[in-house]
């Protein structure tokens, strides 16, 4: 597989596509509803991050987060607990779990493991602070649940068949037993599964959705 050259035009094109599609989806969803969402591993950079990341390429781009923050019915939530219609809903950001590094064994193993330990510890503290939830919204699925990488989206060959979910999320579910866990990340893992009484839903991607009654 040939590596894509990340030149000025490539950076502009990729950001423009993410920016446009994100705002279009949120605009449609928020016409008649309040929308609570969190970002995944493709980030929605702050204005500072936009200037730093894109400035080094000499590219000026719109700040997606500023646009989202100006949308009256849209709430981009990060590591917070929200009470929504009497339900306790926790939003956990994407993080690099130690379990991922062990499973995928990246070339820079030690560097990634150091990073993962820090991020995993932070995620554990957030989940402990949440305590018992009705719904956990998180980017990564629980480990070995709706998380198997397939060849569908052309990943590195050595990734195919491996599990990209989070042991931290799995352990939280086993301990606190939320009614629902809503996740994504591994798009080919779209579907429903159960861990005890907890329903886990991987919503897929590209217009996929589930409707649940709570």
C-alpha atoms as a PDB file:
ATOM      1  CA  UNK A   1       0.000   0.000   0.000  1.00  0.00           C
ATOM      2  CA  UNK A   2       1.464   3.340  -1.076  1.00  0.00           C
ATOM      3  CA  UNK A   3       1.657   5.980   1.656  1.00  0.00           C
ATOM      4  CA  UNK A   4      -0.341   9.135   0.939  1.00  0.00           C
ATOM      5  CA  UNK A   5       1.758  12.273   0.712  1.00  0.00           C
ATOM      6  CA  UNK A   6       0.497  14.776   3.267  1.00  0.00           C
ATOM      7  CA  UNK A   7       1.130  17.976   1.382  1.00  0.00           C
ATOM      8  CA  UNK A   8      -0.688  21.308   1.644  1.00  0.00           C
ATOM      9  CA  UNK A   9      -3.488  20.384  -0.762  1.00  0.00           C
ATOM     10  CA  UNK A  10      -4.079  17.013   0.893  1.00  0.00           C
ATOM     11  CA  UNK A  11      -4.369  18.596   4.343  1.00  0.00           C
ATOM     12  CA  UNK A  12      -6.854  21.210   3.081  1.00  0.00           C
ATOM     13  CA  UNK A  13      -8.974  18.611   1.285  1.00  0.00           C
ATOM     14  CA  UNK A  14      -9.146  16.215   4.240  1.00  0.00           C
ATOM     15  CA  UNK A  15     -10.025  18.932   6.745  1.00  0.00           C
ATOM     16  CA  UNK A  16     -12.662  20.404   4.423  1.00  0.00           C
ATOM     17  CA  UNK A  17     -14.352  16.995   4.058  1.00  0.00           C
ATOM     18  CA  UNK A  18     -14.375  16.319   7.821  1.00  0.00           C
ATOM     19  CA  UNK A  19     -15.541  19.866   8.567  1.00  0.00           C
ATOM     20  CA  UNK A  20     -18.353  19.845   5.992  1.00  0.00           C
ATOM     21  CA  UNK A  21     -19.678  16.344   6.731  1.00  0.00           C
ATOM     22  CA  UNK A  22     -19.602  16.868  10.514  1.00  0.00           C
ATOM     23  CA  UNK A  23     -21.621  20.076  10.344  1.00  0.00           C
ATOM     24  CA  UNK A  24     -24.086  18.629   7.829  1.00  0.00           C
ATOM     25  CA  UNK A  25     -24.835  15.603  10.025  1.00  0.00           C
ATOM     26  CA  UNK A  26     -25.217  17.681  13.185  1.00  0.00           C
ATOM     27  CA  UNK A  27     -27.412  20.190  11.380  1.00  0.00           C
ATOM     28  CA  UNK A  28     -29.828  17.471  10.240  1.00  0.00           C
ATOM     29  CA  UNK A  29     -29.942  15.741  13.626  1.00  0.00           C
ATOM     30  CA  UNK A  30     -30.526  18.972  15.554  1.00  0.00           C
ATOM     31  CA  UNK A  31     -33.467  20.227  13.493  1.00  0.00           C
ATOM     32  CA  UNK A  32     -35.995  18.678  15.866  1.00  0.00           C
ATOM     33  CA  UNK A  33     -33.873  17.305  18.703  1.00  0.00           C
ATOM     34  CA  UNK A  34     -31.186  18.106  21.211  1.00  0.00           C
ATOM     35  CA  UNK A  35     -27.961  16.383  20.168  1.00  0.00           C
ATOM     36  CA  UNK A  36     -25.335  15.133  22.607  1.00  0.00           C
ATOM     37  CA  UNK A  37     -22.181  13.816  20.996  1.00  0.00           C
ATOM     38  CA  UNK A  38     -18.498  13.198  21.590  1.00  0.00           C
ATOM     39  CA  UNK A  39     -15.583  13.117  19.222  1.00  0.00           C
ATOM     40  CA  UNK A  40     -13.712  10.000  18.229  1.00  0.00           C
ATOM     41  CA  UNK A  41     -10.115   9.353  17.270  1.00  0.00           C
ATOM     42  CA  UNK A  42     -10.431  11.748  14.335  1.00  0.00           C
ATOM     43  CA  UNK A  43     -10.410  14.850  16.478  1.00  0.00           C
ATOM     44  CA  UNK A  44     -12.317  18.098  16.313  1.00  0.00           C
ATOM     45  CA  UNK A  45      -9.435  20.490  17.048  1.00  0.00           C
ATOM     46  CA  UNK A  46      -9.638  23.642  19.123  1.00  0.00           C
ATOM     47  CA  UNK A  47      -8.705  26.978  17.575  1.00  0.00           C
ATOM     48  CA  UNK A  48      -5.244  26.689  19.145  1.00  0.00           C
ATOM     49  CA  UNK A  49      -4.785  23.196  17.712  1.00  0.00           C
ATOM     50  CA  UNK A  50      -5.998  24.379  14.302  1.00  0.00           C
ATOM     51  CA  UNK A  51      -3.388  27.125  14.278  1.00  0.00           C
ATOM     52  CA  UNK A  52      -0.619  24.793  15.450  1.00  0.00           C
ATOM     53  CA  UNK A  53      -1.443  21.744  13.323  1.00  0.00           C
ATOM     54  CA  UNK A  54      -2.416  23.424  10.090  1.00  0.00           C
ATOM     55  CA  UNK A  55      -0.156  26.438  10.505  1.00  0.00           C
ATOM     56  CA  UNK A  56       2.935  24.298   9.991  1.00  0.00           C
ATOM     57  CA  UNK A  57       1.618  23.477   6.515  1.00  0.00           C
ATOM     58  CA  UNK A  58       0.790  27.111   5.825  1.00  0.00           C
ATOM     59  CA  UNK A  59      -2.911  26.238   5.623  1.00  0.00           C
ATOM     60  CA  UNK A  60      -5.806  28.314   6.955  1.00  0.00           C
ATOM     61  CA  UNK A  61      -8.927  26.299   7.791  1.00  0.00           C
ATOM     62  CA  UNK A  62     -12.219  26.795   9.582  1.00  0.00           C
ATOM     63  CA  UNK A  63     -12.379  25.758  13.230  1.00  0.00           C
ATOM     64  CA  UNK A  64     -14.999  22.998  13.356  1.00  0.00           C
ATOM     65  CA  UNK A  65     -15.318  23.165  17.131  1.00  0.00           C
ATOM     66  CA  UNK A  66     -16.195  26.873  17.040  1.00  0.00           C
ATOM     67  CA  UNK A  67     -18.992  26.093  14.592  1.00  0.00           C
ATOM     68  CA  UNK A  68     -20.303  23.247  16.752  1.00  0.00           C
ATOM     69  CA  UNK A  69     -20.201  25.405  19.885  1.00  0.00           C
ATOM     70  CA  UNK A  70     -22.366  27.987  18.116  1.00  0.00           C
ATOM     71  CA  UNK A  71     -25.107  25.428  17.351  1.00  0.00           C
ATOM     72  CA  UNK A  72     -27.865  25.945  19.914  1.00  0.00           C
ATOM     73  CA  UNK A  73     -29.118  22.347  20.068  1.00  0.00           C
ATOM     74  CA  UNK A  74     -25.775  20.548  19.842  1.00  0.00           C
ATOM     75  CA  UNK A  75     -23.594  19.642  22.814  1.00  0.00           C
ATOM     76  CA  UNK A  76     -20.095  18.257  22.308  1.00  0.00           C
ATOM     77  CA  UNK A  77     -19.467  16.472  25.611  1.00  0.00           C
ATOM     78  CA  UNK A  78     -16.092  15.262  26.892  1.00  0.00           C
ATOM     79  CA  UNK A  79     -15.580  13.177  30.018  1.00  0.00           C
ATOM     80  CA  UNK A  80     -18.710  14.559  31.655  1.00  0.00           C
ATOM     81  CA  UNK A  81     -21.817  13.186  33.286  1.00  0.00           C
ATOM     82  CA  UNK A  82     -25.101  14.636  32.029  1.00  0.00           C
ATOM     83  CA  UNK A  83     -28.607  14.187  33.425  1.00  0.00           C
ATOM     84  CA  UNK A  84     -30.852  13.852  30.362  1.00  0.00           C
ATOM     85  CA  UNK A  85     -34.569  13.352  31.011  1.00  0.00           C
ATOM     86  CA  UNK A  86     -33.751  11.838  34.376  1.00  0.00           C
ATOM     87  CA  UNK A  87     -31.110   9.462  32.971  1.00  0.00           C
ATOM     88  CA  UNK A  88     -27.484   9.434  34.073  1.00  0.00           C
ATOM     89  CA  UNK A  89     -25.462   9.521  30.853  1.00  0.00           C
ATOM     90  CA  UNK A  90     -21.659   9.505  30.916  1.00  0.00           C
ATOM     91  CA  UNK A  91     -19.542  10.569  27.942  1.00  0.00           C
ATOM     92  CA  UNK A  92     -16.006   9.108  27.794  1.00  0.00           C
ATOM     93  CA  UNK A  93     -13.553  10.400  25.202  1.00  0.00           C
ATOM     94  CA  UNK A  94     -11.473   8.146  22.959  1.00  0.00           C
ATOM     95  CA  UNK A  95      -8.266   6.973  24.623  1.00  0.00           C
ATOM     96  CA  UNK A  96      -5.425   4.578  23.930  1.00  0.00           C
ATOM     97  CA  UNK A  97      -6.000   1.544  26.130  1.00  0.00           C
ATOM     98  CA  UNK A  98      -3.157  -0.647  27.350  1.00  0.00           C
ATOM     99  CA  UNK A  99      -5.149  -3.598  25.984  1.00  0.00           C
ATOM    100  CA  UNK A 100      -4.859  -2.179  22.437  1.00  0.00           C
ATOM    101  CA  UNK A 101      -1.079  -1.913  22.632  1.00  0.00           C
ATOM    102  CA  UNK A 102      -0.817  -5.481  23.926  1.00  0.00           C
ATOM    103  CA  UNK A 103      -3.126  -6.760  21.166  1.00  0.00           C
ATOM    104  CA  UNK A 104      -1.689  -4.857  18.194  1.00  0.00           C
ATOM    105  CA  UNK A 105       1.987  -4.647  19.240  1.00  0.00           C
ATOM    106  CA  UNK A 106       2.925  -1.483  17.301  1.00  0.00           C
ATOM    107  CA  UNK A 107       6.537  -1.021  16.169  1.00  0.00           C
ATOM    108  CA  UNK A 108       7.080   1.746  18.727  1.00  0.00           C
ATOM    109  CA  UNK A 109       5.716  -0.526  21.454  1.00  0.00           C
ATOM    110  CA  UNK A 110       7.415   1.080  24.457  1.00  0.00           C
ATOM    111  CA  UNK A 111       6.440   4.616  23.422  1.00  0.00           C
ATOM    112  CA  UNK A 112       2.820   3.634  22.811  1.00  0.00           C
ATOM    113  CA  UNK A 113       2.639   1.628  26.028  1.00  0.00           C
ATOM    114  CA  UNK A 114       3.857   4.616  28.039  1.00  0.00           C
ATOM    115  CA  UNK A 115       1.202   6.777  26.387  1.00  0.00           C
ATOM    116  CA  UNK A 116      -1.470   4.109  26.887  1.00  0.00           C
ATOM    117  CA  UNK A 117      -0.752   3.688  30.596  1.00  0.00           C
ATOM    118  CA  UNK A 118      -1.252   7.412  31.157  1.00  0.00           C
ATOM    119  CA  UNK A 119      -4.468   7.588  29.119  1.00  0.00           C
ATOM    120  CA  UNK A 120      -5.863   4.360  30.586  1.00  0.00           C
ATOM    121  CA  UNK A 121      -5.333   5.581  34.133  1.00  0.00           C
ATOM    122  CA  UNK A 122      -7.144   8.817  33.284  1.00  0.00           C
ATOM    123  CA  UNK A 123     -10.072   6.886  31.740  1.00  0.00           C
ATOM    124  CA  UNK A 124     -10.353   4.671  34.838  1.00  0.00           C
ATOM    125  CA  UNK A 125     -10.582   7.740  37.085  1.00  0.00           C
ATOM    126  CA  UNK A 126     -13.296   9.266  34.889  1.00  0.00           C
ATOM    127  CA  UNK A 127     -15.333   6.052  34.874  1.00  0.00           C
ATOM    128  CA  UNK A 128     -14.970   5.715  38.635  1.00  0.00           C
ATOM    129  CA  UNK A 129     -16.236   9.283  38.991  1.00  0.00           C
ATOM    130  CA  UNK A 130     -19.235   8.451  36.805  1.00  0.00           C
ATOM    131  CA  UNK A 131     -20.138   5.487  39.002  1.00  0.00           C
ATOM    132  CA  UNK A 132     -23.446   3.836  38.172  1.00  0.00           C
ATOM    133  CA  UNK A 133     -24.864   5.078  34.858  1.00  0.00           C
ATOM    134  CA  UNK A 134     -27.963   4.407  32.824  1.00  0.00           C
ATOM    135  CA  UNK A 135     -26.036   4.961  29.597  1.00  0.00           C
ATOM    136  CA  UNK A 136     -22.319   5.082  28.840  1.00  0.00           C
ATOM    137  CA  UNK A 137     -21.395   6.780  25.571  1.00  0.00           C
ATOM    138  CA  UNK A 138     -17.816   5.989  24.570  1.00  0.00           C
ATOM    139  CA  UNK A 139     -15.876   5.818  21.339  1.00  0.00           C
ATOM    140  CA  UNK A 140     -14.239   2.425  21.863  1.00  0.00           C
ATOM    141  CA  UNK A 141     -16.313  -0.746  22.255  1.00  0.00           C
ATOM    142  CA  UNK A 142     -15.563  -3.103  25.139  1.00  0.00           C
ATOM    143  CA  UNK A 143     -12.788  -5.609  24.472  1.00  0.00           C
ATOM    144  CA  UNK A 144     -13.889  -8.572  22.323  1.00  0.00           C
ATOM    145  CA  UNK A 145     -17.406  -7.172  21.932  1.00  0.00           C
ATOM    146  CA  UNK A 146     -18.279  -5.800  18.468  1.00  0.00           C
ATOM    147  CA  UNK A 147     -14.619  -4.820  18.070  1.00  0.00           C
ATOM    148  CA  UNK A 148     -13.000  -7.246  15.605  1.00  0.00           C
ATOM    149  CA  UNK A 149     -11.044  -5.631  12.764  1.00  0.00           C
ATOM    150  CA  UNK A 150     -11.845  -7.018   9.309  1.00  0.00           C
ATOM    151  CA  UNK A 151     -10.433  -6.326   5.855  1.00  0.00           C
ATOM    152  CA  UNK A 152     -13.451  -4.154   4.954  1.00  0.00           C
ATOM    153  CA  UNK A 153     -11.733  -0.795   5.385  1.00  0.00           C
ATOM    154  CA  UNK A 154      -8.259  -1.894   4.219  1.00  0.00           C
ATOM    155  CA  UNK A 155      -6.374  -1.798   7.524  1.00  0.00           C
ATOM    156  CA  UNK A 156      -2.783  -3.064   7.828  1.00  0.00           C
ATOM    157  CA  UNK A 157      -2.862  -6.799   7.160  1.00  0.00           C
ATOM    158  CA  UNK A 158      -1.474  -7.652  10.579  1.00  0.00           C
ATOM    159  CA  UNK A 159      -4.485  -5.959  12.220  1.00  0.00           C
ATOM    160  CA  UNK A 160      -7.113  -8.163  10.579  1.00  0.00           C
ATOM    161  CA  UNK A 161      -8.852 -10.465  13.048  1.00  0.00           C
ATOM    162  CA  UNK A 162      -7.604  -8.613  16.120  1.00  0.00           C
ATOM    163  CA  UNK A 163      -9.793  -7.017  18.775  1.00  0.00           C
ATOM    164  CA  UNK A 164      -9.528  -3.226  19.074  1.00  0.00           C
ATOM    165  CA  UNK A 165     -11.855  -2.741  22.024  1.00  0.00           C
ATOM    166  CA  UNK A 166     -11.057  -1.522  25.522  1.00  0.00           C
ATOM    167  CA  UNK A 167     -10.541  -3.740  28.548  1.00  0.00           C
ATOM    168  CA  UNK A 168     -11.078  -0.673  30.717  1.00  0.00           C
ATOM    169  CA  UNK A 169     -14.573  -0.190  29.285  1.00  0.00           C
ATOM    170  CA  UNK A 170     -15.288  -3.928  29.601  1.00  0.00           C
ATOM    171  CA  UNK A 171     -14.287  -3.957  33.284  1.00  0.00           C
ATOM    172  CA  UNK A 172     -16.437  -0.878  33.946  1.00  0.00           C
ATOM    173  CA  UNK A 173     -19.470  -2.614  32.408  1.00  0.00           C
ATOM    174  CA  UNK A 174     -18.940  -5.747  34.480  1.00  0.00           C
ATOM    175  CA  UNK A 175     -18.686  -3.737  37.702  1.00  0.00           C
ATOM    176  CA  UNK A 176     -21.347  -1.033  37.256  1.00  0.00           C
ATOM    177  CA  UNK A 177     -23.777  -2.728  34.823  1.00  0.00           C
ATOM    178  CA  UNK A 178     -25.162   0.271  32.903  1.00  0.00           C
ATOM    179  CA  UNK A 179     -28.336  -0.404  30.940  1.00  0.00           C
ATOM    180  CA  UNK A 180     -26.757   0.665  27.643  1.00  0.00           C
ATOM    181  CA  UNK A 181     -23.296   1.263  26.216  1.00  0.00           C
ATOM    182  CA  UNK A 182     -23.233   3.205  22.948  1.00  0.00           C
ATOM    183  CA  UNK A 183     -19.955   3.000  21.032  1.00  0.00           C
ATOM    184  CA  UNK A 184     -18.376   3.053  17.581  1.00  0.00           C
ATOM    185  CA  UNK A 185     -14.732   3.135  16.402  1.00  0.00           C
ATOM    186  CA  UNK A 186     -14.698  -0.285  14.687  1.00  0.00           C
ATOM    187  CA  UNK A 187     -17.213   0.433  11.956  1.00  0.00           C
ATOM    188  CA  UNK A 188     -17.471  -3.163  10.741  1.00  0.00           C
ATOM    189  CA  UNK A 189     -18.492  -4.109  14.275  1.00  0.00           C
ATOM    190  CA  UNK A 190     -21.947  -2.574  13.837  1.00  0.00           C
ATOM    191  CA  UNK A 191     -24.557  -4.430  15.859  1.00  0.00           C
ATOM    192  CA  UNK A 192     -25.882  -5.301  19.302  1.00  0.00           C
ATOM    193  CA  UNK A 193     -24.505  -7.578  22.000  1.00  0.00           C
ATOM    194  CA  UNK A 194     -25.091  -8.191  25.690  1.00  0.00           C
ATOM    195  CA  UNK A 195     -22.769  -8.317  28.664  1.00  0.00           C
ATOM    196  CA  UNK A 196     -24.995  -9.584  31.456  1.00  0.00           C
ATOM    197  CA  UNK A 197     -27.960  -7.199  31.433  1.00  0.00           C
ATOM    198  CA  UNK A 198     -26.047  -4.435  29.635  1.00  0.00           C
ATOM    199  CA  UNK A 199     -26.911  -3.857  25.989  1.00  0.00           C
ATOM    200  CA  UNK A 200     -23.883  -2.818  23.944  1.00  0.00           C
ATOM    201  CA  UNK A 201     -24.596  -1.053  20.658  1.00  0.00           C
ATOM    202  CA  UNK A 202     -21.939  -0.288  18.056  1.00  0.00           C
ATOM    203  CA  UNK A 203     -23.676   2.237  15.821  1.00  0.00           C
ATOM    204  CA  UNK A 204     -21.451   1.648  12.778  1.00  0.00           C
ATOM    205  CA  UNK A 205     -20.777   4.592  10.468  1.00  0.00           C
ATOM    206  CA  UNK A 206     -21.802   6.530   7.355  1.00  0.00           C
ATOM    207  CA  UNK A 207     -25.462   7.032   8.174  1.00  0.00           C
ATOM    208  CA  UNK A 208     -25.936   3.880  10.268  1.00  0.00           C
ATOM    209  CA  UNK A 209     -28.056   4.316  13.380  1.00  0.00           C
ATOM    210  CA  UNK A 210     -30.050   2.555  16.068  1.00  0.00           C
ATOM    211  CA  UNK A 211     -33.179   3.778  17.863  1.00  0.00           C
ATOM    212  CA  UNK A 212     -33.602   2.645  21.471  1.00  0.00           C
ATOM    213  CA  UNK A 213     -36.430   3.185  23.936  1.00  0.00           C
ATOM    214  CA  UNK A 214     -35.205   3.926  27.457  1.00  0.00           C
END
